């Protein structure tokens, strides 16, 4: 369970520091997916929340109105939904902020890039098709449903994400898969990475990117606890990577794409 709060914002369309993206939209703060490896967990203390990241969601109730005001001045470039949290997490079904933002963006001329773990995005396929340039990426860490439930307890299953990707691809919308994070000892076996890449290709993804685990202390502690409890045999591999993250990343980069499949690496 998570706590829900309503709040107001002063700005909706903000400049992005992510390479290749000019703006970002984050209609919500916090996330109900509860991913144990989430790098945004440190954001909780900056938002004045005592709850851990993954246990609360703040809804910016005036977000659409603020965005509409900002779009009165013409903008060019690419905007991402969302850079800190998932724009299609569970509360979007009730509030519909992301959907209303997309409706505005169809008239803005901005390119739209979405990265999500939710199949709810297929609800808005009509808006995405109406845009001159829109793309949807799905983060898939593993195809193992049991492992996914432990890593991402509040997120839709990987099979639901792949089914949504296939529907969007069939509708003519550019899709891709982000294999992230690649976790030492849990999700980095060559055959597992190859399986994700192959499943993405079958579903119509135009590219597959990946991102090694960022060895952020909170993420490492959570994953270490999970491994100790459920996959103790993976402990030595994980700890070895923790001792030399740079070497671990280099090995992954050398071996990507897996099993001869095509893919595009991402260093974000």
C-alpha atoms as a PDB file:
ATOM      1  CA  UNK A   1       0.000   0.000   0.000  1.00  0.00           C
ATOM      2  CA  UNK A   2       1.044   3.603  -0.561  1.00  0.00           C
ATOM      3  CA  UNK A   3      -0.121   6.962   0.700  1.00  0.00           C
ATOM      4  CA  UNK A   4      -1.679   9.409  -1.734  1.00  0.00           C
ATOM      5  CA  UNK A   5      -1.315  13.180  -1.502  1.00  0.00           C
ATOM      6  CA  UNK A   6      -2.566  16.022  -3.658  1.00  0.00           C
ATOM      7  CA  UNK A   7      -0.368  19.044  -4.230  1.00  0.00           C
ATOM      8  CA  UNK A   8       0.165  21.933  -6.652  1.00  0.00           C
ATOM      9  CA  UNK A   9       3.099  22.786  -8.893  1.00  0.00           C
ATOM     10  CA  UNK A  10       4.538  26.003 -10.313  1.00  0.00           C
ATOM     11  CA  UNK A  11       6.067  24.470 -13.436  1.00  0.00           C
ATOM     12  CA  UNK A  12       5.189  21.419 -15.531  1.00  0.00           C
ATOM     13  CA  UNK A  13       7.461  21.538 -18.578  1.00  0.00           C
ATOM     14  CA  UNK A  14      11.025  21.600 -17.322  1.00  0.00           C
ATOM     15  CA  UNK A  15      14.390  21.509 -19.057  1.00  0.00           C
ATOM     16  CA  UNK A  16      16.015  18.081 -19.131  1.00  0.00           C
ATOM     17  CA  UNK A  17      19.641  17.186 -18.531  1.00  0.00           C
ATOM     18  CA  UNK A  18      19.233  13.792 -20.201  1.00  0.00           C
ATOM     19  CA  UNK A  19      21.133  13.652 -23.509  1.00  0.00           C
ATOM     20  CA  UNK A  20      18.807  13.789 -26.501  1.00  0.00           C
ATOM     21  CA  UNK A  21      15.891  15.164 -24.499  1.00  0.00           C
ATOM     22  CA  UNK A  22      15.025  18.846 -24.231  1.00  0.00           C
ATOM     23  CA  UNK A  23      12.191  18.773 -21.708  1.00  0.00           C
ATOM     24  CA  UNK A  24      10.597  16.481 -19.153  1.00  0.00           C
ATOM     25  CA  UNK A  25       7.136  16.153 -17.640  1.00  0.00           C
ATOM     26  CA  UNK A  26       6.528  14.565 -14.239  1.00  0.00           C
ATOM     27  CA  UNK A  27       2.805  14.806 -13.355  1.00  0.00           C
ATOM     28  CA  UNK A  28       3.413  12.748 -10.221  1.00  0.00           C
ATOM     29  CA  UNK A  29       6.062  12.664  -7.519  1.00  0.00           C
ATOM     30  CA  UNK A  30       6.738   9.327  -5.915  1.00  0.00           C
ATOM     31  CA  UNK A  31       5.853   5.981  -7.424  1.00  0.00           C
ATOM     32  CA  UNK A  32       3.669   3.030  -6.502  1.00  0.00           C
ATOM     33  CA  UNK A  33       5.800   0.523  -8.428  1.00  0.00           C
ATOM     34  CA  UNK A  34       8.076   0.191  -5.386  1.00  0.00           C
ATOM     35  CA  UNK A  35      11.105  -1.012  -7.365  1.00  0.00           C
ATOM     36  CA  UNK A  36      13.796  -1.938  -4.859  1.00  0.00           C
ATOM     37  CA  UNK A  37      16.595  -0.713  -7.127  1.00  0.00           C
ATOM     38  CA  UNK A  38      15.087   2.714  -7.850  1.00  0.00           C
ATOM     39  CA  UNK A  39      17.705   5.461  -8.095  1.00  0.00           C
ATOM     40  CA  UNK A  40      15.088   8.136  -7.364  1.00  0.00           C
ATOM     41  CA  UNK A  41      14.649   6.965  -3.773  1.00  0.00           C
ATOM     42  CA  UNK A  42      16.754   9.873  -2.540  1.00  0.00           C
ATOM     43  CA  UNK A  43      14.074  12.250  -3.861  1.00  0.00           C
ATOM     44  CA  UNK A  44      11.772  11.507  -0.919  1.00  0.00           C
ATOM     45  CA  UNK A  45      13.752  13.684   1.485  1.00  0.00           C
ATOM     46  CA  UNK A  46      13.715  16.609  -0.953  1.00  0.00           C
ATOM     47  CA  UNK A  47       9.903  16.429  -1.126  1.00  0.00           C
ATOM     48  CA  UNK A  48       9.405  16.611   2.631  1.00  0.00           C
ATOM     49  CA  UNK A  49       8.046  13.085   2.878  1.00  0.00           C
ATOM     50  CA  UNK A  50       8.846  10.722   5.712  1.00  0.00           C
ATOM     51  CA  UNK A  51       7.675   7.709   3.751  1.00  0.00           C
ATOM     52  CA  UNK A  52      10.219   5.803   1.746  1.00  0.00           C
ATOM     53  CA  UNK A  53      10.190   6.202  -2.023  1.00  0.00           C
ATOM     54  CA  UNK A  54       7.700   3.690  -3.364  1.00  0.00           C
ATOM     55  CA  UNK A  55       5.324   4.168  -0.411  1.00  0.00           C
ATOM     56  CA  UNK A  56       3.794   7.491  -1.463  1.00  0.00           C
ATOM     57  CA  UNK A  57       2.569   9.346  -4.528  1.00  0.00           C
ATOM     58  CA  UNK A  58       1.991  13.081  -4.824  1.00  0.00           C
ATOM     59  CA  UNK A  59      -0.491  14.120  -7.498  1.00  0.00           C
ATOM     60  CA  UNK A  60       0.110  17.569  -8.986  1.00  0.00           C
ATOM     61  CA  UNK A  61      -3.552  18.429  -9.444  1.00  0.00           C
ATOM     62  CA  UNK A  62      -2.952  21.660 -11.397  1.00  0.00           C
ATOM     63  CA  UNK A  63      -0.316  20.102 -13.657  1.00  0.00           C
ATOM     64  CA  UNK A  64      -2.338  20.176 -16.883  1.00  0.00           C
ATOM     65  CA  UNK A  65      -3.341  23.830 -16.442  1.00  0.00           C
ATOM     66  CA  UNK A  66       0.277  24.827 -15.769  1.00  0.00           C
ATOM     67  CA  UNK A  67       1.436  22.909 -18.839  1.00  0.00           C
ATOM     68  CA  UNK A  68      -1.209  24.557 -21.005  1.00  0.00           C
ATOM     69  CA  UNK A  69       0.042  27.988 -19.905  1.00  0.00           C
ATOM     70  CA  UNK A  70       3.663  27.065 -20.665  1.00  0.00           C
ATOM     71  CA  UNK A  71       2.761  25.740 -24.113  1.00  0.00           C
ATOM     72  CA  UNK A  72       1.269  29.072 -25.155  1.00  0.00           C
ATOM     73  CA  UNK A  73       4.813  29.954 -26.144  1.00  0.00           C
ATOM     74  CA  UNK A  74       5.919  27.679 -29.012  1.00  0.00           C
ATOM     75  CA  UNK A  75       8.470  25.051 -28.046  1.00  0.00           C
ATOM     76  CA  UNK A  76      10.748  22.854 -30.155  1.00  0.00           C
ATOM     77  CA  UNK A  77      12.480  19.612 -29.307  1.00  0.00           C
ATOM     78  CA  UNK A  78      11.705  16.366 -27.509  1.00  0.00           C
ATOM     79  CA  UNK A  79       9.885  15.956 -24.212  1.00  0.00           C
ATOM     80  CA  UNK A  80      10.035  12.882 -21.965  1.00  0.00           C
ATOM     81  CA  UNK A  81       7.265  11.468 -19.820  1.00  0.00           C
ATOM     82  CA  UNK A  82       8.584  11.000 -17.209  1.00  0.00           C
ATOM     83  CA  UNK A  83      12.162  11.438 -16.074  1.00  0.00           C
ATOM     84  CA  UNK A  84      11.850  10.733 -12.342  1.00  0.00           C
ATOM     85  CA  UNK A  85       8.735   8.606 -11.937  1.00  0.00           C
ATOM     86  CA  UNK A  86       6.350   6.570 -14.090  1.00  0.00           C
ATOM     87  CA  UNK A  87       3.712   8.694 -15.811  1.00  0.00           C
ATOM     88  CA  UNK A  88       1.506   5.595 -16.155  1.00  0.00           C
ATOM     89  CA  UNK A  89       1.598   4.295 -12.601  1.00  0.00           C
ATOM     90  CA  UNK A  90      -1.658   3.159 -10.951  1.00  0.00           C
ATOM     91  CA  UNK A  91      -2.997   6.590  -9.929  1.00  0.00           C
ATOM     92  CA  UNK A  92      -3.053   7.676 -13.588  1.00  0.00           C
ATOM     93  CA  UNK A  93      -6.202   5.562 -14.022  1.00  0.00           C
ATOM     94  CA  UNK A  94      -8.002   7.875 -11.584  1.00  0.00           C
ATOM     95  CA  UNK A  95      -6.447  11.265 -12.307  1.00  0.00           C
ATOM     96  CA  UNK A  96      -5.640  11.011 -16.013  1.00  0.00           C
ATOM     97  CA  UNK A  97      -2.990  13.751 -15.890  1.00  0.00           C
ATOM     98  CA  UNK A  98      -0.729  12.023 -18.406  1.00  0.00           C
ATOM     99  CA  UNK A  99      -3.569  11.527 -20.870  1.00  0.00           C
ATOM    100  CA  UNK A 100      -4.585  15.184 -20.665  1.00  0.00           C
ATOM    101  CA  UNK A 101      -0.954  16.249 -21.100  1.00  0.00           C
ATOM    102  CA  UNK A 102      -0.690  14.138 -24.253  1.00  0.00           C
ATOM    103  CA  UNK A 103      -3.811  15.792 -25.612  1.00  0.00           C
ATOM    104  CA  UNK A 104      -2.112  19.163 -25.223  1.00  0.00           C
ATOM    105  CA  UNK A 105       1.128  17.880 -26.698  1.00  0.00           C
ATOM    106  CA  UNK A 106      -0.597  16.701 -29.886  1.00  0.00           C
ATOM    107  CA  UNK A 107      -1.022  20.388 -30.729  1.00  0.00           C
ATOM    108  CA  UNK A 108       2.389  21.560 -29.514  1.00  0.00           C
ATOM    109  CA  UNK A 109       4.749  20.302 -32.222  1.00  0.00           C
ATOM    110  CA  UNK A 110       6.994  18.732 -29.588  1.00  0.00           C
ATOM    111  CA  UNK A 111       8.268  15.198 -30.072  1.00  0.00           C
ATOM    112  CA  UNK A 112       7.218  12.850 -27.278  1.00  0.00           C
ATOM    113  CA  UNK A 113       9.210  10.045 -25.683  1.00  0.00           C
ATOM    114  CA  UNK A 114       7.646   7.823 -23.020  1.00  0.00           C
ATOM    115  CA  UNK A 115       9.417   5.312 -20.793  1.00  0.00           C
ATOM    116  CA  UNK A 116       7.157   3.169 -18.613  1.00  0.00           C
ATOM    117  CA  UNK A 117       6.626  -0.157 -16.871  1.00  0.00           C
ATOM    118  CA  UNK A 118       2.876  -0.020 -17.407  1.00  0.00           C
ATOM    119  CA  UNK A 119       0.581  -1.378 -20.083  1.00  0.00           C
ATOM    120  CA  UNK A 120      -1.849   1.477 -19.326  1.00  0.00           C
ATOM    121  CA  UNK A 121      -0.051   3.443 -22.053  1.00  0.00           C
ATOM    122  CA  UNK A 122      -2.024   1.570 -24.732  1.00  0.00           C
ATOM    123  CA  UNK A 123      -5.086   3.541 -23.575  1.00  0.00           C
ATOM    124  CA  UNK A 124      -3.512   6.616 -25.189  1.00  0.00           C
ATOM    125  CA  UNK A 125      -2.460   5.032 -28.478  1.00  0.00           C
ATOM    126  CA  UNK A 126      -4.800   7.375 -30.351  1.00  0.00           C
ATOM    127  CA  UNK A 127      -2.991  10.475 -29.137  1.00  0.00           C
ATOM    128  CA  UNK A 128       0.411   8.919 -29.840  1.00  0.00           C
ATOM    129  CA  UNK A 129      -0.587   8.030 -33.404  1.00  0.00           C
ATOM    130  CA  UNK A 130      -1.716  11.628 -33.953  1.00  0.00           C
ATOM    131  CA  UNK A 131       1.753  12.961 -33.161  1.00  0.00           C
ATOM    132  CA  UNK A 132       4.351  13.434 -35.917  1.00  0.00           C
ATOM    133  CA  UNK A 133       7.042  11.787 -33.767  1.00  0.00           C
ATOM    134  CA  UNK A 134       6.224   9.711 -30.689  1.00  0.00           C
ATOM    135  CA  UNK A 135       7.973   6.730 -29.177  1.00  0.00           C
ATOM    136  CA  UNK A 136       7.247   4.434 -26.255  1.00  0.00           C
ATOM    137  CA  UNK A 137       9.872   2.472 -24.370  1.00  0.00           C
ATOM    138  CA  UNK A 138       9.164  -0.278 -21.859  1.00  0.00           C
ATOM    139  CA  UNK A 139      11.594  -1.017 -19.063  1.00  0.00           C
ATOM    140  CA  UNK A 140      12.005  -4.778 -18.710  1.00  0.00           C
ATOM    141  CA  UNK A 141      14.472  -5.994 -16.105  1.00  0.00           C
ATOM    142  CA  UNK A 142      13.667  -9.697 -16.362  1.00  0.00           C
ATOM    143  CA  UNK A 143      11.210 -12.064 -18.042  1.00  0.00           C
ATOM    144  CA  UNK A 144      10.967 -14.089 -14.817  1.00  0.00           C
ATOM    145  CA  UNK A 145       7.622 -13.128 -13.275  1.00  0.00           C
ATOM    146  CA  UNK A 146       8.590 -14.252  -9.773  1.00  0.00           C
ATOM    147  CA  UNK A 147      11.792 -12.228  -9.816  1.00  0.00           C
ATOM    148  CA  UNK A 148       9.947  -9.248 -11.319  1.00  0.00           C
ATOM    149  CA  UNK A 149       7.385  -9.303  -8.484  1.00  0.00           C
ATOM    150  CA  UNK A 150      10.214  -9.137  -5.957  1.00  0.00           C
ATOM    151  CA  UNK A 151      12.145  -6.416  -7.768  1.00  0.00           C
ATOM    152  CA  UNK A 152       9.143  -4.351  -8.915  1.00  0.00           C
ATOM    153  CA  UNK A 153       6.231  -5.360  -6.627  1.00  0.00           C
ATOM    154  CA  UNK A 154       3.783  -2.672  -7.753  1.00  0.00           C
ATOM    155  CA  UNK A 155       4.472  -2.762 -11.492  1.00  0.00           C
ATOM    156  CA  UNK A 156       2.606  -4.725 -14.186  1.00  0.00           C
ATOM    157  CA  UNK A 157       4.235  -8.011 -15.148  1.00  0.00           C
ATOM    158  CA  UNK A 158       6.833  -8.174 -17.941  1.00  0.00           C
ATOM    159  CA  UNK A 159       4.408 -10.229 -20.046  1.00  0.00           C
ATOM    160  CA  UNK A 160       1.827  -7.426 -19.856  1.00  0.00           C
ATOM    161  CA  UNK A 161       4.459  -4.892 -20.911  1.00  0.00           C
ATOM    162  CA  UNK A 162       5.485  -6.982 -23.910  1.00  0.00           C
ATOM    163  CA  UNK A 163       1.838  -7.425 -24.917  1.00  0.00           C
ATOM    164  CA  UNK A 164       1.338  -3.648 -24.753  1.00  0.00           C
ATOM    165  CA  UNK A 165       4.506  -3.098 -26.783  1.00  0.00           C
ATOM    166  CA  UNK A 166       3.221  -5.462 -29.449  1.00  0.00           C
ATOM    167  CA  UNK A 167      -0.107  -3.595 -29.673  1.00  0.00           C
ATOM    168  CA  UNK A 168       1.588  -0.213 -29.985  1.00  0.00           C
ATOM    169  CA  UNK A 169       4.016  -1.520 -32.591  1.00  0.00           C
ATOM    170  CA  UNK A 170       1.121  -2.947 -34.595  1.00  0.00           C
ATOM    171  CA  UNK A 171      -0.497   0.499 -34.466  1.00  0.00           C
ATOM    172  CA  UNK A 172       2.564   2.010 -36.138  1.00  0.00           C
ATOM    173  CA  UNK A 173       4.043   3.634 -33.038  1.00  0.00           C
ATOM    174  CA  UNK A 174       7.812   3.388 -32.541  1.00  0.00           C
ATOM    175  CA  UNK A 175       8.614   1.126 -29.601  1.00  0.00           C
ATOM    176  CA  UNK A 176      11.756   0.046 -27.829  1.00  0.00           C
ATOM    177  CA  UNK A 177      12.859  -1.864 -24.746  1.00  0.00           C
ATOM    178  CA  UNK A 178      15.120  -0.671 -21.963  1.00  0.00           C
ATOM    179  CA  UNK A 179      16.789  -3.557 -20.121  1.00  0.00           C
ATOM    180  CA  UNK A 180      17.467  -1.857 -16.837  1.00  0.00           C
ATOM    181  CA  UNK A 181      19.019  -2.232 -14.478  1.00  0.00           C
ATOM    182  CA  UNK A 182      21.142  -5.229 -15.356  1.00  0.00           C
ATOM    183  CA  UNK A 183      21.730  -6.727 -11.906  1.00  0.00           C
ATOM    184  CA  UNK A 184      24.845  -8.834 -11.246  1.00  0.00           C
ATOM    185  CA  UNK A 185      23.980 -12.428 -10.426  1.00  0.00           C
ATOM    186  CA  UNK A 186      20.240 -11.953 -10.939  1.00  0.00           C
ATOM    187  CA  UNK A 187      19.492 -10.666 -14.436  1.00  0.00           C
ATOM    188  CA  UNK A 188      22.823 -10.577 -16.258  1.00  0.00           C
ATOM    189  CA  UNK A 189      23.130 -14.150 -17.537  1.00  0.00           C
ATOM    190  CA  UNK A 190      23.801 -13.984 -21.312  1.00  0.00           C
ATOM    191  CA  UNK A 191      20.894 -16.318 -22.037  1.00  0.00           C
ATOM    192  CA  UNK A 192      18.508 -14.136 -20.003  1.00  0.00           C
ATOM    193  CA  UNK A 193      19.580 -10.935 -21.754  1.00  0.00           C
ATOM    194  CA  UNK A 194      19.293 -12.672 -25.107  1.00  0.00           C
ATOM    195  CA  UNK A 195      15.788 -13.872 -24.214  1.00  0.00           C
ATOM    196  CA  UNK A 196      14.643 -10.313 -23.472  1.00  0.00           C
ATOM    197  CA  UNK A 197      16.188  -9.035 -26.687  1.00  0.00           C
ATOM    198  CA  UNK A 198      14.520 -11.757 -28.727  1.00  0.00           C
ATOM    199  CA  UNK A 199      11.136 -11.246 -27.049  1.00  0.00           C
ATOM    200  CA  UNK A 200      11.362  -7.515 -27.719  1.00  0.00           C
ATOM    201  CA  UNK A 201      12.138  -8.138 -31.392  1.00  0.00           C
ATOM    202  CA  UNK A 202       9.198 -10.528 -31.742  1.00  0.00           C
ATOM    203  CA  UNK A 203       6.902  -7.917 -30.209  1.00  0.00           C
ATOM    204  CA  UNK A 204       8.043  -5.301 -32.721  1.00  0.00           C
ATOM    205  CA  UNK A 205      10.546  -3.228 -30.743  1.00  0.00           C
ATOM    206  CA  UNK A 206      12.807  -1.262 -33.064  1.00  0.00           C
ATOM    207  CA  UNK A 207      15.727  -1.214 -30.650  1.00  0.00           C
ATOM    208  CA  UNK A 208      16.873  -2.564 -27.304  1.00  0.00           C
ATOM    209  CA  UNK A 209      19.025  -0.504 -24.961  1.00  0.00           C
ATOM    210  CA  UNK A 210      20.478  -1.510 -21.618  1.00  0.00           C
ATOM    211  CA  UNK A 211      21.810   0.060 -18.456  1.00  0.00           C
ATOM    212  CA  UNK A 212      24.016  -1.670 -15.860  1.00  0.00           C
ATOM    213  CA  UNK A 213      23.071  -1.305 -12.219  1.00  0.00           C
ATOM    214  CA  UNK A 214      24.007   2.013 -10.681  1.00  0.00           C
ATOM    215  CA  UNK A 215      25.621   0.887  -7.426  1.00  0.00           C
ATOM    216  CA  UNK A 216      23.770   3.474  -5.361  1.00  0.00           C
ATOM    217  CA  UNK A 217      24.026   2.481  -1.646  1.00  0.00           C
ATOM    218  CA  UNK A 218      20.285   2.179  -1.004  1.00  0.00           C
ATOM    219  CA  UNK A 219      19.784   0.079  -4.134  1.00  0.00           C
ATOM    220  CA  UNK A 220      22.743  -2.159  -3.289  1.00  0.00           C
ATOM    221  CA  UNK A 221      21.430  -2.727   0.246  1.00  0.00           C
ATOM    222  CA  UNK A 222      17.960  -3.686  -0.980  1.00  0.00           C
ATOM    223  CA  UNK A 223      19.265  -6.029  -3.659  1.00  0.00           C
ATOM    224  CA  UNK A 224      21.757  -7.597  -1.268  1.00  0.00           C
ATOM    225  CA  UNK A 225      18.935  -8.386   1.148  1.00  0.00           C
ATOM    226  CA  UNK A 226      16.848  -9.908  -1.650  1.00  0.00           C
ATOM    227  CA  UNK A 227      19.710 -12.074  -2.856  1.00  0.00           C
ATOM    228  CA  UNK A 228      20.535 -13.272   0.645  1.00  0.00           C
ATOM    229  CA  UNK A 229      16.930 -14.318   1.179  1.00  0.00           C
ATOM    230  CA  UNK A 230      15.972 -15.853  -2.155  1.00  0.00           C
ATOM    231  CA  UNK A 231      19.079 -16.411  -4.320  1.00  0.00           C
ATOM    232  CA  UNK A 232      22.084 -16.962  -1.989  1.00  0.00           C
ATOM    233  CA  UNK A 233      24.041 -18.621  -4.798  1.00  0.00           C
ATOM    234  CA  UNK A 234      24.119 -15.268  -6.605  1.00  0.00           C
ATOM    235  CA  UNK A 235      25.731 -13.497  -3.657  1.00  0.00           C
ATOM    236  CA  UNK A 236      29.357 -13.984  -4.692  1.00  0.00           C
ATOM    237  CA  UNK A 237      28.716 -12.633  -8.221  1.00  0.00           C
ATOM    238  CA  UNK A 238      26.866  -9.623  -6.854  1.00  0.00           C
ATOM    239  CA  UNK A 239      29.499  -8.804  -4.241  1.00  0.00           C
ATOM    240  CA  UNK A 240      32.305  -9.134  -6.791  1.00  0.00           C
ATOM    241  CA  UNK A 241      30.556  -6.562  -9.014  1.00  0.00           C
ATOM    242  CA  UNK A 242      30.016  -4.259  -6.028  1.00  0.00           C
ATOM    243  CA  UNK A 243      33.745  -4.247  -5.353  1.00  0.00           C
ATOM    244  CA  UNK A 244      34.579  -3.128  -8.898  1.00  0.00           C
ATOM    245  CA  UNK A 245      31.534  -1.544 -10.620  1.00  0.00           C
ATOM    246  CA  UNK A 246      33.651  -0.102 -13.443  1.00  0.00           C
ATOM    247  CA  UNK A 247      34.969  -3.502 -14.453  1.00  0.00           C
ATOM    248  CA  UNK A 248      31.470  -4.946 -14.312  1.00  0.00           C
ATOM    249  CA  UNK A 249      30.124  -2.253 -16.636  1.00  0.00           C
ATOM    250  CA  UNK A 250      32.991  -2.733 -19.074  1.00  0.00           C
ATOM    251  CA  UNK A 251      32.282  -6.463 -19.270  1.00  0.00           C
ATOM    252  CA  UNK A 252      28.620  -5.823 -20.046  1.00  0.00           C
ATOM    253  CA  UNK A 253      29.467  -3.287 -22.735  1.00  0.00           C
ATOM    254  CA  UNK A 254      31.884  -5.739 -24.362  1.00  0.00           C
ATOM    255  CA  UNK A 255      29.252  -8.476 -24.466  1.00  0.00           C
ATOM    256  CA  UNK A 256      26.332  -6.357 -25.685  1.00  0.00           C
ATOM    257  CA  UNK A 257      24.302  -7.093 -27.744  1.00  0.00           C
ATOM    258  CA  UNK A 258      23.813 -10.630 -26.377  1.00  0.00           C
ATOM    259  CA  UNK A 259      23.783 -13.735 -28.536  1.00  0.00           C
ATOM    260  CA  UNK A 260      24.392 -11.761 -31.715  1.00  0.00           C
ATOM    261  CA  UNK A 261      21.131  -9.820 -31.482  1.00  0.00           C
ATOM    262  CA  UNK A 262      21.088  -6.212 -32.629  1.00  0.00           C
ATOM    263  CA  UNK A 263      20.766  -3.527 -30.020  1.00  0.00           C
ATOM    264  CA  UNK A 264      21.743   0.015 -29.141  1.00  0.00           C
ATOM    265  CA  UNK A 265      23.690   0.597 -25.968  1.00  0.00           C
ATOM    266  CA  UNK A 266      22.749   3.349 -23.560  1.00  0.00           C
ATOM    267  CA  UNK A 267      25.167   4.855 -21.077  1.00  0.00           C
ATOM    268  CA  UNK A 268      22.622   6.796 -19.051  1.00  0.00           C
END
